[in-house]
Amino acid sequence: MSVEPRAYVTYFDQRYLARAVVMLRSLRRHDAQAEIFTLCFDQIAYEVTQGLGDLNIAVLSPDAINEFEPGLAECKDRARWAFYATHKPVLPLYVLARRPHLASIAHIDSDAYFFSTPAPLFDEIGAASIAISPHRFIKRFEHQKVFGLFNAGFIHWRNDALGLRSLADYRADCLRWCEPRFESDGRFMNQGYLTLWPQRYPGVHVITHPGVNLASWNVAGHSLARDRDLVTVDGVPLVFYHFTNLMLDSLGIWRTVNREFEDNLKLVLEAIYRPYLEEVEQNDRWLRRRGLKPLPLEKPWKIGDAAPVRRGPWPRSPRDWFRRARWLIDPAKRTERAEV
């Protein structure tokens, strides 16, 4: 059976470069026929992604997108990540304007990782013009519904009248307002707008596949198992995990917020976080061997608010080597040590 021509779009700068390369390679492994379009916000990200040599990955520059959407120029005073987020609806519109043969297009965040083929996801979406992924917050995180009922890490549009209409509306919304705070009317960055889409458009499909957009805020609400190299979620293969708010601290310890894995703790750490972070660390070393030192991610939270998930690479300064050694032998940290 032939697969309809589809494409993915994503964006990132050098701060997410190691993770973005891992995401792209995982996507290429599991959806080899699809085209991928990456918007790289700085020269380091652009050159490295271009240097991957994958003919099915088109690397785009901000200049090309700005020429397509002049309204972005009026948004440059926004905080960097808010400005980046403003591009989310512009990028698929740019691609569809230049690839009119595409049947559909999907945005995927650069901090995702594919564990298996997304074919079941697209089978579920079918002919729907728009598909969005619910957060599926477990009870402990229900207060985070202020950030939106749906996660903007994966959004799918068909190249039809309704899909294009929603993209045009989304572009207008984000150009008008896209800020890193939540408002009483439900707005938050580019994500809060999605909450009203099922009422706003008749062709919205809310994704039900439990292995799509699995994340720290919902994984405890599912039953996970491992069958050889395959992780299953409620009996079906894990398609992709969304590693939002995963950071490397100064001691070389990977930490995440919203960590509530409950009975899935051991499997999540060993079968999901470990292989992903091993690839991220490998890519980081690969970048540094090339003489590149990408800027680190800014931490939007205090270290004390985030739980460890894995011992990462050793610190790069003698002072932090000493601090990490103290962390490892501190009796108060024994529970943390057992989990990473």
C-alpha atoms as a PDB file:
ATOM      1  CA  MET A   1       0.000   0.000   0.000  1.00  0.00           C
ATOM      2  CA  SER A   2       1.403   3.394  -0.968  1.00  0.00           C
ATOM      3  CA  VAL A   3       1.861   6.079   1.676  1.00  0.00           C
ATOM      4  CA  GLU A   4       0.504   9.555   1.006  1.00  0.00           C
ATOM      5  CA  PRO A   5       3.331  12.089   0.713  1.00  0.00           C
ATOM      6  CA  ARG A   6       3.750  13.790   4.077  1.00  0.00           C
ATOM      7  CA  ALA A   7       6.302  15.992   5.725  1.00  0.00           C
ATOM      8  CA  TYR A   8       7.430  17.047   9.174  1.00  0.00           C
ATOM      9  CA  VAL A   9       8.606  20.456  10.295  1.00  0.00           C
ATOM     10  CA  THR A  10      10.650  21.376  13.335  1.00  0.00           C
ATOM     11  CA  TYR A  11      12.810  24.246  14.547  1.00  0.00           C
ATOM     12  CA  PHE A  12      15.730  24.722  16.918  1.00  0.00           C
ATOM     13  CA  ASP A  13      18.926  26.653  17.550  1.00  0.00           C
ATOM     14  CA  GLN A  14      22.348  25.505  18.747  1.00  0.00           C
ATOM     15  CA  ARG A  15      21.060  25.075  22.319  1.00  0.00           C
ATOM     16  CA  TYR A  16      18.919  22.148  21.183  1.00  0.00           C
ATOM     17  CA  LEU A  17      21.262  20.958  18.459  1.00  0.00           C
ATOM     18  CA  ALA A  18      22.441  17.666  20.009  1.00  0.00           C
ATOM     19  CA  ARG A  19      18.864  16.702  20.831  1.00  0.00           C
ATOM     20  CA  ALA A  20      17.525  17.819  17.477  1.00  0.00           C
ATOM     21  CA  VAL A  21      20.013  15.632  15.621  1.00  0.00           C
ATOM     22  CA  VAL A  22      18.934  12.674  17.771  1.00  0.00           C
ATOM     23  CA  MET A  23      15.272  13.403  17.039  1.00  0.00           C
ATOM     24  CA  LEU A  24      15.904  13.698  13.306  1.00  0.00           C
ATOM     25  CA  ARG A  25      17.809  10.426  13.187  1.00  0.00           C
ATOM     26  CA  SER A  26      15.129   8.609  15.178  1.00  0.00           C
ATOM     27  CA  LEU A  27      12.445   9.972  12.858  1.00  0.00           C
ATOM     28  CA  ARG A  28      14.442   8.987   9.796  1.00  0.00           C
ATOM     29  CA  ARG A  29      14.797   5.419  11.158  1.00  0.00           C
ATOM     30  CA  HIS A  30      11.067   5.010  11.638  1.00  0.00           C
ATOM     31  CA  ASP A  31       9.561   7.095   8.807  1.00  0.00           C
ATOM     32  CA  ALA A  32      12.131   6.937   6.047  1.00  0.00           C
ATOM     33  CA  GLN A  33       9.823   8.086   3.227  1.00  0.00           C
ATOM     34  CA  ALA A  34       8.765  11.378   4.761  1.00  0.00           C
ATOM     35  CA  GLU A  35      10.366  14.726   4.012  1.00  0.00           C
ATOM     36  CA  ILE A  36      11.656  16.756   6.958  1.00  0.00           C
ATOM     37  CA  PHE A  37      12.067  20.523   7.019  1.00  0.00           C
ATOM     38  CA  THR A  38      14.171  22.065   9.760  1.00  0.00           C
ATOM     39  CA  LEU A  39      14.295  25.759  10.570  1.00  0.00           C
ATOM     40  CA  CYS A  40      17.685  26.514  12.127  1.00  0.00           C
ATOM     41  CA  PHE A  41      17.834  29.808  13.983  1.00  0.00           C
ATOM     42  CA  ASP A  42      21.616  30.246  13.980  1.00  0.00           C
ATOM     43  CA  GLN A  43      24.601  29.416  11.813  1.00  0.00           C
ATOM     44  CA  ILE A  44      25.949  26.581  13.984  1.00  0.00           C
ATOM     45  CA  ALA A  45      22.642  24.723  13.891  1.00  0.00           C
ATOM     46  CA  TYR A  46      22.294  25.375  10.156  1.00  0.00           C
ATOM     47  CA  GLU A  47      25.756  24.129   9.195  1.00  0.00           C
ATOM     48  CA  VAL A  48      25.648  21.012  11.375  1.00  0.00           C
ATOM     49  CA  THR A  49      22.193  19.986  10.157  1.00  0.00           C
ATOM     50  CA  GLN A  50      23.174  20.647   6.546  1.00  0.00           C
ATOM     51  CA  GLY A  51      26.288  18.576   7.126  1.00  0.00           C
ATOM     52  CA  LEU A  52      24.262  15.503   8.046  1.00  0.00           C
ATOM     53  CA  GLY A  53      24.009  14.856   4.315  1.00  0.00           C
ATOM     54  CA  ASP A  54      20.437  13.543   4.420  1.00  0.00           C
ATOM     55  CA  LEU A  55      18.775  14.431   1.124  1.00  0.00           C
ATOM     56  CA  ASN A  56      15.322  14.131   2.697  1.00  0.00           C
ATOM     57  CA  ILE A  57      16.114  16.800   5.301  1.00  0.00           C
ATOM     58  CA  ALA A  58      15.722  20.333   3.939  1.00  0.00           C
ATOM     59  CA  VAL A  59      17.491  22.929   6.091  1.00  0.00           C
ATOM     60  CA  LEU A  60      15.855  26.355   6.157  1.00  0.00           C
ATOM     61  CA  SER A  61      17.225  29.696   7.288  1.00  0.00           C
ATOM     62  CA  PRO A  62      15.309  32.430   9.161  1.00  0.00           C
ATOM     63  CA  ASP A  63      15.833  34.744   6.178  1.00  0.00           C
ATOM     64  CA  ALA A  64      13.718  32.521   3.952  1.00  0.00           C
ATOM     65  CA  ILE A  65      10.906  32.368   6.505  1.00  0.00           C
ATOM     66  CA  ASN A  66      11.053  36.125   7.185  1.00  0.00           C
ATOM     67  CA  GLU A  67      10.726  36.831   3.475  1.00  0.00           C
ATOM     68  CA  PHE A  68       7.670  34.551   3.357  1.00  0.00           C
ATOM     69  CA  GLU A  69       6.097  36.130   6.458  1.00  0.00           C
ATOM     70  CA  PRO A  70       7.041  39.807   6.871  1.00  0.00           C
ATOM     71  CA  GLY A  71       4.887  40.004  10.014  1.00  0.00           C
ATOM     72  CA  LEU A  72       7.609  38.187  11.962  1.00  0.00           C
ATOM     73  CA  ALA A  73       9.725  41.351  11.869  1.00  0.00           C
ATOM     74  CA  GLU A  74       7.260  43.016  14.257  1.00  0.00           C
ATOM     75  CA  CYS A  75       7.656  40.163  16.752  1.00  0.00           C
ATOM     76  CA  LYS A  76      11.444  40.281  17.182  1.00  0.00           C
ATOM     77  CA  ASP A  77      11.194  42.120  20.504  1.00  0.00           C
ATOM     78  CA  ARG A  78       9.626  39.047  22.096  1.00  0.00           C
ATOM     79  CA  ALA A  79      11.721  36.836  24.355  1.00  0.00           C
ATOM     80  CA  ARG A  80      13.805  34.436  22.264  1.00  0.00           C
ATOM     81  CA  TRP A  81      11.741  31.294  22.900  1.00  0.00           C
ATOM     82  CA  ALA A  82       8.490  33.234  22.444  1.00  0.00           C
ATOM     83  CA  PHE A  83       9.799  34.552  19.121  1.00  0.00           C
ATOM     84  CA  TYR A  84      10.762  31.041  18.072  1.00  0.00           C
ATOM     85  CA  ALA A  85       7.320  29.784  19.102  1.00  0.00           C
ATOM     86  CA  THR A  86       5.706  32.402  16.858  1.00  0.00           C
ATOM     87  CA  HIS A  87       7.136  30.486  13.890  1.00  0.00           C
ATOM     88  CA  LYS A  88       5.198  27.294  14.631  1.00  0.00           C
ATOM     89  CA  PRO A  89       2.290  27.969  12.226  1.00  0.00           C
ATOM     90  CA  VAL A  90       4.407  29.934   9.741  1.00  0.00           C
ATOM     91  CA  LEU A  91       6.804  27.083   8.996  1.00  0.00           C
ATOM     92  CA  PRO A  92       4.210  24.527   7.784  1.00  0.00           C
ATOM     93  CA  LEU A  93       2.525  27.210   5.687  1.00  0.00           C
ATOM     94  CA  TYR A  94       5.898  27.993   4.094  1.00  0.00           C
ATOM     95  CA  VAL A  95       6.507  24.328   3.288  1.00  0.00           C
ATOM     96  CA  LEU A  96       3.023  23.693   1.894  1.00  0.00           C
ATOM     97  CA  ALA A  97       3.340  26.748  -0.335  1.00  0.00           C
ATOM     98  CA  ARG A  98       6.455  25.195  -1.866  1.00  0.00           C
ATOM     99  CA  ARG A  99       5.394  21.538  -1.741  1.00  0.00           C
ATOM    100  CA  PRO A 100       1.734  21.626  -2.838  1.00  0.00           C
ATOM    101  CA  HIS A 101       1.861  17.900  -3.614  1.00  0.00           C
ATOM    102  CA  LEU A 102       2.087  17.053   0.092  1.00  0.00           C
ATOM    103  CA  ALA A 103      -1.041  15.416   1.493  1.00  0.00           C
ATOM    104  CA  SER A 104      -0.271  16.451   5.056  1.00  0.00           C
ATOM    105  CA  ILE A 105       2.275  18.081   7.316  1.00  0.00           C
ATOM    106  CA  ALA A 106       3.080  17.671  11.001  1.00  0.00           C
ATOM    107  CA  HIS A 107       5.012  19.767  13.463  1.00  0.00           C
ATOM    108  CA  ILE A 108       7.238  17.785  15.851  1.00  0.00           C
ATOM    109  CA  ASP A 109       9.250  19.379  18.660  1.00  0.00           C
ATOM    110  CA  SER A 110      12.999  18.891  18.533  1.00  0.00           C
ATOM    111  CA  ASP A 111      13.071  17.328  22.028  1.00  0.00           C
ATOM    112  CA  ALA A 112      10.998  14.316  20.962  1.00  0.00           C
ATOM    113  CA  TYR A 113      12.387  10.844  20.172  1.00  0.00           C
ATOM    114  CA  PHE A 114      10.783   8.134  18.044  1.00  0.00           C
ATOM    115  CA  PHE A 115      10.874   4.580  19.350  1.00  0.00           C
ATOM    116  CA  SER A 116       8.767   2.969  16.605  1.00  0.00           C
ATOM    117  CA  THR A 117       6.959   3.688  13.365  1.00  0.00           C
ATOM    118  CA  PRO A 118       4.331   6.467  13.442  1.00  0.00           C
ATOM    119  CA  ALA A 119       2.198   4.528  10.933  1.00  0.00           C
ATOM    120  CA  PRO A 120      -0.445   3.623  13.580  1.00  0.00           C
ATOM    121  CA  LEU A 121      -0.714   7.319  14.449  1.00  0.00           C
ATOM    122  CA  PHE A 122      -1.429   8.312  10.850  1.00  0.00           C
ATOM    123  CA  ASP A 123      -3.824   5.366  10.467  1.00  0.00           C
ATOM    124  CA  GLU A 124      -5.760   6.734  13.446  1.00  0.00           C
ATOM    125  CA  ILE A 125      -5.778  10.298  12.099  1.00  0.00           C
ATOM    126  CA  GLY A 126      -7.040   9.086   8.731  1.00  0.00           C
ATOM    127  CA  ALA A 127      -8.699  11.814   6.674  1.00  0.00           C
ATOM    128  CA  ALA A 128      -9.073  14.273   9.546  1.00  0.00           C
ATOM    129  CA  SER A 129      -8.033  17.790   8.560  1.00  0.00           C
ATOM    130  CA  ILE A 130      -6.502  18.589  11.946  1.00  0.00           C
ATOM    131  CA  ALA A 131      -5.090  16.339  14.668  1.00  0.00           C
ATOM    132  CA  ILE A 132      -3.932  17.404  18.125  1.00  0.00           C
ATOM    133  CA  SER A 133      -2.475  15.544  21.071  1.00  0.00           C
ATOM    134  CA  PRO A 134      -4.019  15.847  24.569  1.00  0.00           C
ATOM    135  CA  HIS A 135      -1.702  16.340  27.528  1.00  0.00           C
ATOM    136  CA  ARG A 136      -3.437  13.508  29.443  1.00  0.00           C
ATOM    137  CA  PHE A 137      -2.250  15.017  32.737  1.00  0.00           C
ATOM    138  CA  ILE A 138      -2.273  12.618  35.665  1.00  0.00           C
ATOM    139  CA  LYS A 139      -4.190  13.883  38.703  1.00  0.00           C
ATOM    140  CA  ARG A 140      -1.098  15.334  40.374  1.00  0.00           C
ATOM    141  CA  PHE A 141      -0.476  17.622  37.404  1.00  0.00           C
ATOM    142  CA  GLU A 142      -4.057  18.662  36.626  1.00  0.00           C
ATOM    143  CA  HIS A 143      -3.255  22.180  37.823  1.00  0.00           C
ATOM    144  CA  GLN A 144      -1.107  22.507  34.691  1.00  0.00           C
ATOM    145  CA  LYS A 145      -4.202  22.626  32.509  1.00  0.00           C
ATOM    146  CA  VAL A 146      -3.682  26.392  32.568  1.00  0.00           C
ATOM    147  CA  PHE A 147      -0.982  25.704  29.949  1.00  0.00           C
ATOM    148  CA  GLY A 148      -3.613  24.195  27.630  1.00  0.00           C
ATOM    149  CA  LEU A 149      -5.490  20.930  27.236  1.00  0.00           C
ATOM    150  CA  PHE A 150      -3.387  19.963  24.209  1.00  0.00           C
ATOM    151  CA  ASN A 151       0.361  19.793  23.730  1.00  0.00           C
ATOM    152  CA  ALA A 152       1.852  21.738  20.843  1.00  0.00           C
ATOM    153  CA  GLY A 153       4.766  19.311  20.514  1.00  0.00           C
ATOM    154  CA  PHE A 154       2.853  17.442  17.806  1.00  0.00           C
ATOM    155  CA  ILE A 155       0.214  18.975  15.526  1.00  0.00           C
ATOM    156  CA  HIS A 156      -0.952  17.518  12.214  1.00  0.00           C
ATOM    157  CA  TRP A 157      -2.700  19.236   9.308  1.00  0.00           C
ATOM    158  CA  ARG A 158      -3.985  17.864   6.029  1.00  0.00           C
ATOM    159  CA  ASN A 159      -3.325  19.969   2.962  1.00  0.00           C
ATOM    160  CA  ASP A 160      -7.005  20.728   2.459  1.00  0.00           C
ATOM    161  CA  ALA A 161      -9.255  23.744   2.876  1.00  0.00           C
ATOM    162  CA  LEU A 162      -9.904  23.248   6.597  1.00  0.00           C
ATOM    163  CA  GLY A 163      -6.309  22.392   7.433  1.00  0.00           C
ATOM    164  CA  LEU A 164      -5.052  25.481   5.627  1.00  0.00           C
ATOM    165  CA  ARG A 165      -7.728  27.628   7.241  1.00  0.00           C
ATOM    166  CA  SER A 166      -6.701  26.533  10.724  1.00  0.00           C
ATOM    167  CA  LEU A 167      -3.055  27.205   9.890  1.00  0.00           C
ATOM    168  CA  ALA A 168      -3.886  30.690   8.632  1.00  0.00           C
ATOM    169  CA  ASP A 169      -5.883  31.419  11.799  1.00  0.00           C
ATOM    170  CA  TYR A 170      -3.085  30.002  13.951  1.00  0.00           C
ATOM    171  CA  ARG A 171      -0.553  32.216  12.183  1.00  0.00           C
ATOM    172  CA  ALA A 172      -2.689  35.302  12.821  1.00  0.00           C
ATOM    173  CA  ASP A 173      -3.145  34.350  16.485  1.00  0.00           C
ATOM    174  CA  CYS A 174       0.567  33.788  17.114  1.00  0.00           C
ATOM    175  CA  LEU A 175       1.646  36.923  15.278  1.00  0.00           C
ATOM    176  CA  ARG A 176      -0.797  38.905  17.378  1.00  0.00           C
ATOM    177  CA  TRP A 177       0.203  37.357  20.740  1.00  0.00           C
ATOM    178  CA  CYS A 178       2.651  34.604  21.747  1.00  0.00           C
ATOM    179  CA  GLU A 179       4.093  35.149  25.209  1.00  0.00           C
ATOM    180  CA  PRO A 180       5.583  32.809  27.864  1.00  0.00           C
ATOM    181  CA  ARG A 181       2.773  33.333  30.363  1.00  0.00           C
ATOM    182  CA  PHE A 182      -0.780  32.094  30.677  1.00  0.00           C
ATOM    183  CA  GLU A 183      -3.751  34.434  30.464  1.00  0.00           C
ATOM    184  CA  SER A 184      -7.221  34.143  31.976  1.00  0.00           C
ATOM    185  CA  ASP A 185      -8.707  33.549  28.515  1.00  0.00           C
ATOM    186  CA  GLY A 186      -6.571  30.401  28.073  1.00  0.00           C
ATOM    187  CA  ARG A 187      -3.728  31.841  26.024  1.00  0.00           C
ATOM    188  CA  PHE A 188      -0.209  30.532  26.640  1.00  0.00           C
ATOM    189  CA  MET A 189       2.589  30.836  24.077  1.00  0.00           C
ATOM    190  CA  ASN A 190       1.449  29.086  20.883  1.00  0.00           C
ATOM    191  CA  GLN A 191      -0.103  26.228  22.856  1.00  0.00           C
ATOM    192  CA  GLY A 192      -3.120  27.715  24.630  1.00  0.00           C
ATOM    193  CA  TYR A 193      -4.858  28.420  21.331  1.00  0.00           C
ATOM    194  CA  LEU A 194      -5.233  24.675  20.712  1.00  0.00           C
ATOM    195  CA  THR A 195      -7.699  24.251  23.599  1.00  0.00           C
ATOM    196  CA  LEU A 196     -10.577  25.761  21.605  1.00  0.00           C
ATOM    197  CA  TRP A 197      -9.791  24.053  18.307  1.00  0.00           C
ATOM    198  CA  PRO A 198     -12.300  21.176  18.741  1.00  0.00           C
ATOM    199  CA  GLN A 199     -15.054  23.821  19.045  1.00  0.00           C
ATOM    200  CA  ARG A 200     -13.550  26.161  16.471  1.00  0.00           C
ATOM    201  CA  TYR A 201     -13.106  23.648  13.644  1.00  0.00           C
ATOM    202  CA  PRO A 202     -15.314  20.683  12.658  1.00  0.00           C
ATOM    203  CA  GLY A 203     -12.473  18.496  11.422  1.00  0.00           C
ATOM    204  CA  VAL A 204     -10.342  18.196  14.568  1.00  0.00           C
ATOM    205  CA  HIS A 205      -9.253  14.723  15.635  1.00  0.00           C
ATOM    206  CA  VAL A 206      -8.061  14.316  19.233  1.00  0.00           C
ATOM    207  CA  ILE A 207      -5.376  11.628  19.184  1.00  0.00           C
ATOM    208  CA  THR A 208      -6.111   8.630  21.423  1.00  0.00           C
ATOM    209  CA  HIS A 209      -3.003   6.504  20.800  1.00  0.00           C
ATOM    210  CA  PRO A 210      -1.347   6.210  24.263  1.00  0.00           C
ATOM    211  CA  GLY A 211       2.116   5.834  22.728  1.00  0.00           C
ATOM    212  CA  VAL A 212       1.970   9.279  21.106  1.00  0.00           C
ATOM    213  CA  ASN A 213       3.402  12.216  23.059  1.00  0.00           C
ATOM    214  CA  LEU A 214       4.158  10.149  26.117  1.00  0.00           C
ATOM    215  CA  ALA A 215       5.831  12.475  28.613  1.00  0.00           C
ATOM    216  CA  SER A 216       6.718  13.031  32.245  1.00  0.00           C
ATOM    217  CA  TRP A 217       3.293  14.526  32.983  1.00  0.00           C
ATOM    218  CA  ASN A 218       1.282  11.511  31.771  1.00  0.00           C
ATOM    219  CA  VAL A 219       3.496   8.411  31.818  1.00  0.00           C
ATOM    220  CA  ALA A 220       2.338   7.406  35.320  1.00  0.00           C
ATOM    221  CA  GLY A 221      -1.198   7.135  33.980  1.00  0.00           C
ATOM    222  CA  HIS A 222      -0.322   4.284  31.629  1.00  0.00           C
ATOM    223  CA  SER A 223       0.801   0.678  31.892  1.00  0.00           C
ATOM    224  CA  LEU A 224       4.278   0.228  30.382  1.00  0.00           C
ATOM    225  CA  ALA A 225       6.052  -2.990  29.489  1.00  0.00           C
ATOM    226  CA  ARG A 226       9.083  -4.080  27.512  1.00  0.00           C
ATOM    227  CA  ASP A 227       9.061  -6.768  24.847  1.00  0.00           C
ATOM    228  CA  ARG A 228      12.703  -7.222  23.811  1.00  0.00           C
ATOM    229  CA  ASP A 229      13.667  -3.858  22.324  1.00  0.00           C
ATOM    230  CA  LEU A 230      10.088  -2.607  22.108  1.00  0.00           C
ATOM    231  CA  VAL A 231       8.440  -0.479  24.802  1.00  0.00           C
ATOM    232  CA  THR A 232       4.657  -0.779  24.914  1.00  0.00           C
ATOM    233  CA  VAL A 233       2.134   1.638  26.388  1.00  0.00           C
ATOM    234  CA  ASP A 234      -1.196   0.094  27.363  1.00  0.00           C
ATOM    235  CA  GLY A 235      -0.320  -2.811  25.080  1.00  0.00           C
ATOM    236  CA  VAL A 236       0.652  -0.834  21.963  1.00  0.00           C
ATOM    237  CA  PRO A 237       4.138   0.291  20.848  1.00  0.00           C
ATOM    238  CA  LEU A 238       5.520   3.565  22.134  1.00  0.00           C
ATOM    239  CA  VAL A 239       5.696   5.853  19.093  1.00  0.00           C
ATOM    240  CA  PHE A 240       7.484   8.872  20.538  1.00  0.00           C
ATOM    241  CA  TYR A 241       8.369  10.311  23.922  1.00  0.00           C
ATOM    242  CA  HIS A 242       8.475  14.051  24.533  1.00  0.00           C
ATOM    243  CA  PHE A 243      11.473  15.013  26.710  1.00  0.00           C
ATOM    244  CA  THR A 244      10.267  18.469  27.758  1.00  0.00           C
ATOM    245  CA  ASN A 245      12.029  20.186  30.678  1.00  0.00           C
ATOM    246  CA  LEU A 246      14.937  17.746  30.694  1.00  0.00           C
ATOM    247  CA  MET A 247      18.149  19.525  31.619  1.00  0.00           C
ATOM    248  CA  LEU A 248      21.782  18.757  32.434  1.00  0.00           C
ATOM    249  CA  ASP A 249      22.892  20.467  35.644  1.00  0.00           C
ATOM    250  CA  SER A 250      26.387  21.763  36.365  1.00  0.00           C
ATOM    251  CA  LEU A 251      27.336  18.497  38.097  1.00  0.00           C
ATOM    252  CA  GLY A 252      26.611  16.443  34.993  1.00  0.00           C
ATOM    253  CA  ILE A 253      23.310  15.041  36.298  1.00  0.00           C
ATOM    254  CA  TRP A 254      20.294  14.870  33.989  1.00  0.00           C
ATOM    255  CA  ARG A 255      17.182  16.153  35.730  1.00  0.00           C
ATOM    256  CA  THR A 256      13.549  16.647  34.818  1.00  0.00           C
ATOM    257  CA  VAL A 257      10.562  18.414  36.306  1.00  0.00           C
ATOM    258  CA  ASN A 258       7.138  16.757  36.615  1.00  0.00           C
ATOM    259  CA  ARG A 259       8.805  13.410  37.297  1.00  0.00           C
ATOM    260  CA  GLU A 260       6.081  11.141  38.581  1.00  0.00           C
ATOM    261  CA  PHE A 261       6.734   7.704  37.077  1.00  0.00           C
ATOM    262  CA  GLU A 262       5.286   5.593  39.942  1.00  0.00           C
ATOM    263  CA  ASP A 263       5.274   1.875  39.026  1.00  0.00           C
ATOM    264  CA  ASN A 264       6.904   2.650  35.676  1.00  0.00           C
ATOM    265  CA  LEU A 265       9.989   4.215  37.280  1.00  0.00           C
ATOM    266  CA  LYS A 266      12.557   1.507  36.521  1.00  0.00           C
ATOM    267  CA  LEU A 267      11.363   0.813  32.985  1.00  0.00           C
ATOM    268  CA  VAL A 268      11.093   4.514  32.081  1.00  0.00           C
ATOM    269  CA  LEU A 269      14.609   5.267  33.296  1.00  0.00           C
ATOM    270  CA  GLU A 270      16.209   2.209  31.678  1.00  0.00           C
ATOM    271  CA  ALA A 271      14.237   1.802  28.446  1.00  0.00           C
ATOM    272  CA  ILE A 272      13.264   5.391  27.597  1.00  0.00           C
ATOM    273  CA  TYR A 273      15.587   7.953  29.210  1.00  0.00           C
ATOM    274  CA  ARG A 274      18.775   5.890  29.068  1.00  0.00           C
ATOM    275  CA  PRO A 275      18.895   5.173  25.295  1.00  0.00           C
ATOM    276  CA  TYR A 276      17.807   8.705  24.472  1.00  0.00           C
ATOM    277  CA  LEU A 277      20.358  10.396  26.719  1.00  0.00           C
ATOM    278  CA  GLU A 278      23.138   8.081  25.574  1.00  0.00           C
ATOM    279  CA  GLU A 279      22.512   9.294  22.013  1.00  0.00           C
ATOM    280  CA  VAL A 280      22.316  12.926  23.123  1.00  0.00           C
ATOM    281  CA  GLU A 281      25.636  12.623  24.989  1.00  0.00           C
ATOM    282  CA  GLN A 282      27.215  10.888  22.000  1.00  0.00           C
ATOM    283  CA  ASN A 283      26.086  13.717  19.736  1.00  0.00           C
ATOM    284  CA  ASP A 284      27.326  16.332  22.180  1.00  0.00           C
ATOM    285  CA  ARG A 285      30.781  14.692  22.146  1.00  0.00           C
ATOM    286  CA  TRP A 286      30.654  14.554  18.348  1.00  0.00           C
ATOM    287  CA  LEU A 287      29.951  18.297  18.211  1.00  0.00           C
ATOM    288  CA  ARG A 288      32.767  19.109  20.626  1.00  0.00           C
ATOM    289  CA  ARG A 289      35.251  16.981  18.692  1.00  0.00           C
ATOM    290  CA  ARG A 290      34.465  19.243  15.745  1.00  0.00           C
ATOM    291  CA  GLY A 291      35.451  22.226  17.853  1.00  0.00           C
ATOM    292  CA  LEU A 292      31.855  23.375  18.385  1.00  0.00           C
ATOM    293  CA  LYS A 293      30.597  24.418  21.798  1.00  0.00           C
ATOM    294  CA  PRO A 294      26.872  25.080  21.514  1.00  0.00           C
ATOM    295  CA  LEU A 295      25.364  27.394  24.089  1.00  0.00           C
ATOM    296  CA  PRO A 296      23.686  25.590  27.010  1.00  0.00           C
ATOM    297  CA  LEU A 297      19.970  25.634  27.625  1.00  0.00           C
ATOM    298  CA  GLU A 298      18.764  28.103  30.190  1.00  0.00           C
ATOM    299  CA  LYS A 299      17.161  26.357  33.159  1.00  0.00           C
ATOM    300  CA  PRO A 300      13.595  27.587  33.697  1.00  0.00           C
ATOM    301  CA  TRP A 301      13.543  26.059  37.171  1.00  0.00           C
ATOM    302  CA  LYS A 302      15.740  25.678  40.218  1.00  0.00           C
ATOM    303  CA  ILE A 303      17.801  22.487  40.497  1.00  0.00           C
ATOM    304  CA  GLY A 304      16.042  21.659  43.744  1.00  0.00           C
ATOM    305  CA  ASP A 305      12.711  21.546  41.892  1.00  0.00           C
ATOM    306  CA  ALA A 306      13.902  18.889  39.428  1.00  0.00           C
ATOM    307  CA  ALA A 307      14.511  15.194  40.055  1.00  0.00           C
ATOM    308  CA  PRO A 308      17.502  13.244  38.693  1.00  0.00           C
ATOM    309  CA  VAL A 309      16.958  10.663  35.987  1.00  0.00           C
ATOM    310  CA  ARG A 310      20.490   9.726  34.956  1.00  0.00           C
ATOM    311  CA  ARG A 311      24.146  10.385  35.689  1.00  0.00           C
ATOM    312  CA  GLY A 312      25.342  12.237  32.667  1.00  0.00           C
ATOM    313  CA  PRO A 313      28.810  13.225  31.462  1.00  0.00           C
ATOM    314  CA  TRP A 314      31.287  14.387  34.061  1.00  0.00           C
ATOM    315  CA  PRO A 315      31.450  18.144  34.727  1.00  0.00           C
ATOM    316  CA  ARG A 316      33.888  20.178  32.693  1.00  0.00           C
ATOM    317  CA  SER A 317      35.398  22.187  35.573  1.00  0.00           C
ATOM    318  CA  PRO A 318      37.486  20.949  38.557  1.00  0.00           C
ATOM    319  CA  ARG A 319      35.189  22.777  40.960  1.00  0.00           C
ATOM    320  CA  ASP A 320      32.125  20.937  39.691  1.00  0.00           C
ATOM    321  CA  TRP A 321      33.993  17.599  39.719  1.00  0.00           C
ATOM    322  CA  PHE A 322      34.469  18.108  43.441  1.00  0.00           C
ATOM    323  CA  ARG A 323      30.830  19.126  43.920  1.00  0.00           C
ATOM    324  CA  ARG A 324      29.629  16.055  42.009  1.00  0.00           C
ATOM    325  CA  ALA A 325      31.804  13.775  44.136  1.00  0.00           C
ATOM    326  CA  ARG A 326      30.165  15.252  47.233  1.00  0.00           C
ATOM    327  CA  TRP A 327      26.741  14.710  45.655  1.00  0.00           C
ATOM    328  CA  LEU A 328      27.531  11.041  45.041  1.00  0.00           C
ATOM    329  CA  ILE A 329      28.659  10.309  48.610  1.00  0.00           C
ATOM    330  CA  ASP A 330      26.129  12.484  50.468  1.00  0.00           C
ATOM    331  CA  PRO A 331      23.884  10.130  52.496  1.00  0.00           C
ATOM    332  CA  ALA A 332      20.962  12.482  51.947  1.00  0.00           C
ATOM    333  CA  LYS A 333      21.217  11.763  48.211  1.00  0.00           C
ATOM    334  CA  ARG A 334      21.190   7.958  48.425  1.00  0.00           C
ATOM    335  CA  THR A 335      17.621   7.746  47.122  1.00  0.00           C
ATOM    336  CA  GLU A 336      18.557   9.882  44.161  1.00  0.00           C
ATOM    337  CA  ARG A 337      21.671   7.811  43.501  1.00  0.00           C
ATOM    338  CA  ALA A 338      19.641   4.623  43.376  1.00  0.00           C
ATOM    339  CA  GLU A 339      17.450   6.059  40.663  1.00  0.00           C
ATOM    340  CA  VAL A 340      20.023   7.447  38.262  1.00  0.00           C
END
